[in-house]
Amino acid sequence: TVDSNTNYYINTFSGTEVVLTLPTSPQKGDQIRFLDVTDALTYNKQIKITTGSGSTNPIQGDATGELIIQTPGAGLGLLYINSVIGWRLIEL
């Protein structure tokens, strides 16, 4: 599980998937930033950001609570709004 209000520099050289779980009890205004520092993502190597099993917080309005990143060198920021809207992309 990642912490709110933190920047994460992610190494994607090993394995095919890096799974990051968002905080289970986020507060309005919480932000998290992620950056693929290895430029190694492809269609078969990804970062999966999830709200975790049993969470009701959506990501970008998607109730499944998953965001898949496959763009090499991708960086993004997420902002938590509330339990209805959930996490929103604020930077790409």
N, C-alpha and C. Protein backbone atom coordinates (compact mmCIF):
# COMPACT_ATOMS: atom_id res chain seq x y z
N THR A 1 0.85 -1.18 0.00
CA THR A 1 0.00 0.00 0.00
C THR A 1 0.89 1.24 0.00
N VAL A 2 0.55 2.18 -0.87
CA VAL A 2 1.31 3.42 -0.94
C VAL A 2 0.73 4.44 0.04
N ASP A 3 1.53 5.43 0.38
CA ASP A 3 1.10 6.48 1.31
C ASP A 3 0.66 7.72 0.55
N SER A 4 -0.31 8.42 1.09
CA SER A 4 -0.77 9.67 0.50
C SER A 4 0.31 10.74 0.62
N ASN A 5 0.22 11.71 -0.27
CA ASN A 5 1.11 12.87 -0.28
C ASN A 5 2.58 12.48 -0.39
N THR A 6 2.82 11.52 -1.30
CA THR A 6 4.16 10.98 -1.51
C THR A 6 4.42 10.85 -3.01
N ASN A 7 5.68 11.02 -3.42
CA ASN A 7 6.10 10.77 -4.80
C ASN A 7 6.76 9.39 -4.85
N TYR A 8 6.41 8.60 -5.86
CA TYR A 8 6.98 7.26 -6.02
C TYR A 8 7.72 7.18 -7.35
N TYR A 9 8.99 6.77 -7.29
CA TYR A 9 9.83 6.58 -8.46
C TYR A 9 9.93 5.07 -8.67
N ILE A 10 9.34 4.58 -9.74
CA ILE A 10 9.12 3.15 -9.90
C ILE A 10 10.09 2.54 -10.90
N ASN A 11 10.75 1.47 -10.49
CA ASN A 11 11.65 0.69 -11.33
C ASN A 11 10.84 -0.45 -11.93
N THR A 12 10.72 -0.47 -13.27
CA THR A 12 9.93 -1.50 -13.93
C THR A 12 10.78 -2.46 -14.76
N PHE A 13 12.07 -2.58 -14.45
CA PHE A 13 12.94 -3.47 -15.21
C PHE A 13 12.59 -4.94 -15.01
N SER A 14 12.26 -5.35 -13.80
CA SER A 14 12.02 -6.78 -13.55
C SER A 14 10.52 -7.07 -13.51
N GLY A 15 10.16 -8.28 -13.94
CA GLY A 15 8.76 -8.71 -13.90
C GLY A 15 7.93 -8.10 -15.01
N THR A 16 6.66 -8.50 -15.06
CA THR A 16 5.76 -7.99 -16.08
C THR A 16 4.73 -7.02 -15.53
N GLU A 17 4.61 -6.96 -14.20
CA GLU A 17 3.60 -6.08 -13.60
C GLU A 17 4.06 -5.61 -12.23
N VAL A 18 3.92 -4.31 -12.00
CA VAL A 18 4.14 -3.73 -10.68
C VAL A 18 2.75 -3.32 -10.18
N VAL A 19 2.34 -3.86 -9.05
CA VAL A 19 1.01 -3.56 -8.50
C VAL A 19 1.17 -2.62 -7.30
N LEU A 20 0.48 -1.50 -7.36
CA LEU A 20 0.51 -0.51 -6.29
C LEU A 20 -0.92 -0.33 -5.78
N THR A 21 -1.11 -0.44 -4.47
CA THR A 21 -2.43 -0.31 -3.87
C THR A 21 -2.55 1.04 -3.18
N LEU A 22 -3.61 1.77 -3.56
CA LEU A 22 -3.86 3.09 -2.97
C LEU A 22 -4.31 2.95 -1.52
N PRO A 23 -4.18 4.01 -0.72
CA PRO A 23 -4.59 3.96 0.68
C PRO A 23 -6.06 3.55 0.83
N THR A 24 -6.37 2.80 1.88
CA THR A 24 -7.73 2.31 2.10
C THR A 24 -8.66 3.37 2.68
N SER A 25 -8.12 4.36 3.37
CA SER A 25 -8.96 5.41 3.97
C SER A 25 -8.43 6.79 3.59
N PRO A 26 -8.50 7.13 2.30
CA PRO A 26 -7.97 8.44 1.89
C PRO A 26 -8.84 9.58 2.39
N GLN A 27 -8.24 10.75 2.50
CA GLN A 27 -8.94 11.96 2.91
C GLN A 27 -9.01 12.91 1.72
N LYS A 28 -10.04 13.72 1.66
CA LYS A 28 -10.20 14.70 0.59
C LYS A 28 -8.94 15.54 0.48
N GLY A 29 -8.42 15.64 -0.75
CA GLY A 29 -7.22 16.43 -0.99
C GLY A 29 -5.93 15.63 -0.99
N ASP A 30 -5.98 14.35 -0.60
CA ASP A 30 -4.78 13.51 -0.65
C ASP A 30 -4.29 13.41 -2.09
N GLN A 31 -2.97 13.45 -2.26
CA GLN A 31 -2.37 13.34 -3.58
C GLN A 31 -1.25 12.30 -3.55
N ILE A 32 -1.07 11.64 -4.70
CA ILE A 32 0.02 10.68 -4.86
C ILE A 32 0.54 10.83 -6.29
N ARG A 33 1.85 10.79 -6.44
CA ARG A 33 2.46 10.88 -7.77
C ARG A 33 3.33 9.66 -8.03
N PHE A 34 3.28 9.21 -9.30
CA PHE A 34 4.03 8.03 -9.73
C PHE A 34 4.83 8.38 -10.98
N LEU A 35 6.05 7.84 -11.07
CA LEU A 35 6.90 8.06 -12.24
C LEU A 35 7.66 6.78 -12.56
N ASP A 36 7.54 6.33 -13.81
CA ASP A 36 8.33 5.19 -14.30
C ASP A 36 9.71 5.73 -14.66
N VAL A 37 10.69 5.48 -13.83
CA VAL A 37 12.03 6.04 -14.05
C VAL A 37 12.89 5.19 -14.97
N THR A 38 12.40 4.02 -15.38
CA THR A 38 13.21 3.13 -16.21
C THR A 38 12.83 3.14 -17.68
N ASP A 39 11.71 3.77 -18.03
CA ASP A 39 11.23 3.80 -19.42
C ASP A 39 11.07 2.39 -19.99
N ALA A 40 10.73 1.42 -19.15
CA ALA A 40 10.68 0.02 -19.57
C ALA A 40 9.27 -0.52 -19.78
N LEU A 41 8.25 0.31 -19.64
CA LEU A 41 6.88 -0.19 -19.80
C LEU A 41 6.58 -0.46 -21.28
N THR A 42 5.77 -1.49 -21.53
CA THR A 42 5.33 -1.86 -22.89
C THR A 42 3.94 -2.46 -22.79
N TYR A 43 3.43 -2.98 -23.90
CA TYR A 43 2.11 -3.61 -23.89
C TYR A 43 2.07 -4.85 -23.00
N ASN A 44 3.22 -5.46 -22.72
CA ASN A 44 3.24 -6.64 -21.86
C ASN A 44 3.99 -6.42 -20.54
N LYS A 45 4.24 -5.17 -20.22
CA LYS A 45 4.87 -4.79 -18.93
C LYS A 45 4.16 -3.54 -18.45
N GLN A 46 3.58 -3.60 -17.25
CA GLN A 46 2.70 -2.50 -16.83
C GLN A 46 2.79 -2.20 -15.35
N ILE A 47 2.29 -1.01 -15.02
CA ILE A 47 2.05 -0.63 -13.63
C ILE A 47 0.54 -0.68 -13.44
N LYS A 48 0.11 -1.40 -12.43
CA LYS A 48 -1.32 -1.50 -12.12
C LYS A 48 -1.55 -0.80 -10.79
N ILE A 49 -2.33 0.28 -10.83
CA ILE A 49 -2.69 1.01 -9.62
C ILE A 49 -4.11 0.58 -9.26
N THR A 50 -4.29 0.13 -8.03
CA THR A 50 -5.58 -0.41 -7.62
C THR A 50 -5.99 0.15 -6.26
N THR A 51 -7.29 0.15 -6.01
CA THR A 51 -7.78 0.57 -4.70
C THR A 51 -7.85 -0.62 -3.75
N GLY A 52 -7.57 -1.81 -4.24
CA GLY A 52 -7.56 -3.00 -3.38
C GLY A 52 -8.91 -3.68 -3.31
N SER A 53 -8.89 -4.93 -2.93
CA SER A 53 -10.14 -5.69 -2.85
C SER A 53 -11.00 -5.16 -1.71
N GLY A 54 -12.27 -5.06 -1.97
CA GLY A 54 -13.20 -4.58 -0.96
C GLY A 54 -13.33 -3.07 -0.88
N SER A 55 -12.48 -2.33 -1.60
CA SER A 55 -12.56 -0.87 -1.57
C SER A 55 -13.70 -0.40 -2.46
N THR A 56 -14.35 0.67 -2.05
CA THR A 56 -15.43 1.24 -2.86
C THR A 56 -15.02 2.56 -3.51
N ASN A 57 -13.74 2.92 -3.41
CA ASN A 57 -13.26 4.17 -4.00
C ASN A 57 -12.90 3.96 -5.47
N PRO A 58 -13.60 4.64 -6.38
CA PRO A 58 -13.27 4.49 -7.80
C PRO A 58 -12.01 5.26 -8.18
N ILE A 59 -11.46 4.92 -9.34
CA ILE A 59 -10.38 5.68 -9.95
C ILE A 59 -10.93 6.20 -11.28
N GLN A 60 -10.92 7.51 -11.46
CA GLN A 60 -11.47 8.13 -12.67
C GLN A 60 -12.93 7.73 -12.89
N GLY A 61 -13.66 7.49 -11.82
CA GLY A 61 -15.06 7.12 -11.93
C GLY A 61 -15.31 5.66 -12.21
N ASP A 62 -14.24 4.89 -12.39
CA ASP A 62 -14.37 3.46 -12.69
C ASP A 62 -14.47 2.68 -11.38
N ALA A 63 -15.61 2.05 -11.16
CA ALA A 63 -15.86 1.35 -9.90
C ALA A 63 -14.98 0.14 -9.68
N THR A 64 -14.32 -0.37 -10.73
CA THR A 64 -13.42 -1.51 -10.53
C THR A 64 -12.18 -1.09 -9.74
N GLY A 65 -11.88 0.21 -9.72
CA GLY A 65 -10.77 0.71 -8.93
C GLY A 65 -9.41 0.29 -9.44
N GLU A 66 -9.24 0.28 -10.78
CA GLU A 66 -7.95 -0.07 -11.36
C GLU A 66 -7.56 0.93 -12.44
N LEU A 67 -6.27 1.20 -12.49
CA LEU A 67 -5.70 2.05 -13.52
C LEU A 67 -4.44 1.35 -14.02
N ILE A 68 -4.38 1.07 -15.32
CA ILE A 68 -3.25 0.37 -15.93
C ILE A 68 -2.42 1.38 -16.72
N ILE A 69 -1.10 1.37 -16.49
CA ILE A 69 -0.18 2.27 -17.18
C ILE A 69 0.81 1.42 -17.96
N GLN A 70 0.92 1.69 -19.27
CA GLN A 70 1.84 0.94 -20.13
C GLN A 70 2.72 1.86 -20.97
N THR A 71 2.69 3.15 -20.72
CA THR A 71 3.46 4.11 -21.49
C THR A 71 4.85 4.27 -20.88
N PRO A 72 5.92 4.01 -21.66
CA PRO A 72 7.27 4.15 -21.14
C PRO A 72 7.53 5.55 -20.60
N GLY A 73 8.11 5.64 -19.41
CA GLY A 73 8.44 6.92 -18.80
C GLY A 73 7.25 7.70 -18.29
N ALA A 74 6.09 7.04 -18.17
CA ALA A 74 4.88 7.74 -17.74
C ALA A 74 5.02 8.29 -16.33
N GLY A 75 4.43 9.44 -16.13
CA GLY A 75 4.33 10.04 -14.81
C GLY A 75 2.92 10.57 -14.64
N LEU A 76 2.37 10.41 -13.45
CA LEU A 76 1.00 10.90 -13.24
C LEU A 76 0.78 11.23 -11.78
N GLY A 77 -0.23 12.05 -11.56
CA GLY A 77 -0.64 12.41 -10.21
C GLY A 77 -2.09 12.07 -10.02
N LEU A 78 -2.45 11.61 -8.84
CA LEU A 78 -3.82 11.30 -8.48
C LEU A 78 -4.23 12.16 -7.29
N LEU A 79 -5.46 12.65 -7.32
CA LEU A 79 -6.03 13.46 -6.25
C LEU A 79 -7.31 12.79 -5.78
N TYR A 80 -7.45 12.61 -4.46
CA TYR A 80 -8.68 12.02 -3.93
C TYR A 80 -9.70 13.12 -3.67
N ILE A 81 -10.90 12.96 -4.27
CA ILE A 81 -11.97 13.95 -4.13
C ILE A 81 -12.93 13.55 -3.01
N ASN A 82 -13.62 12.43 -3.17
CA ASN A 82 -14.55 11.89 -2.17
C ASN A 82 -14.91 10.45 -2.55
N SER A 83 -15.77 9.81 -1.76
CA SER A 83 -16.08 8.40 -1.99
C SER A 83 -16.91 8.17 -3.26
N VAL A 84 -17.58 9.19 -3.77
CA VAL A 84 -18.36 9.04 -4.99
C VAL A 84 -17.48 9.21 -6.22
N ILE A 85 -16.69 10.26 -6.25
CA ILE A 85 -15.80 10.54 -7.39
C ILE A 85 -14.53 9.71 -7.28
N GLY A 86 -14.01 9.56 -6.09
CA GLY A 86 -12.81 8.76 -5.86
C GLY A 86 -11.55 9.50 -6.24
N TRP A 87 -10.59 8.76 -6.82
CA TRP A 87 -9.30 9.29 -7.24
C TRP A 87 -9.40 9.83 -8.66
N ARG A 88 -8.85 11.01 -8.90
CA ARG A 88 -8.85 11.63 -10.23
C ARG A 88 -7.44 11.91 -10.68
N LEU A 89 -7.20 11.71 -11.99
CA LEU A 89 -5.93 12.10 -12.57
C LEU A 89 -5.85 13.63 -12.57
N ILE A 90 -4.74 14.15 -12.08
CA ILE A 90 -4.56 15.61 -12.11
C ILE A 90 -3.36 16.00 -12.96
N GLU A 91 -2.52 15.02 -13.27
CA GLU A 91 -1.33 15.27 -14.08
C GLU A 91 -1.03 14.03 -14.90
N LEU A 92 -0.58 14.25 -16.12
CA LEU A 92 -0.09 13.15 -16.96
C LEU A 92 1.25 13.52 -17.49
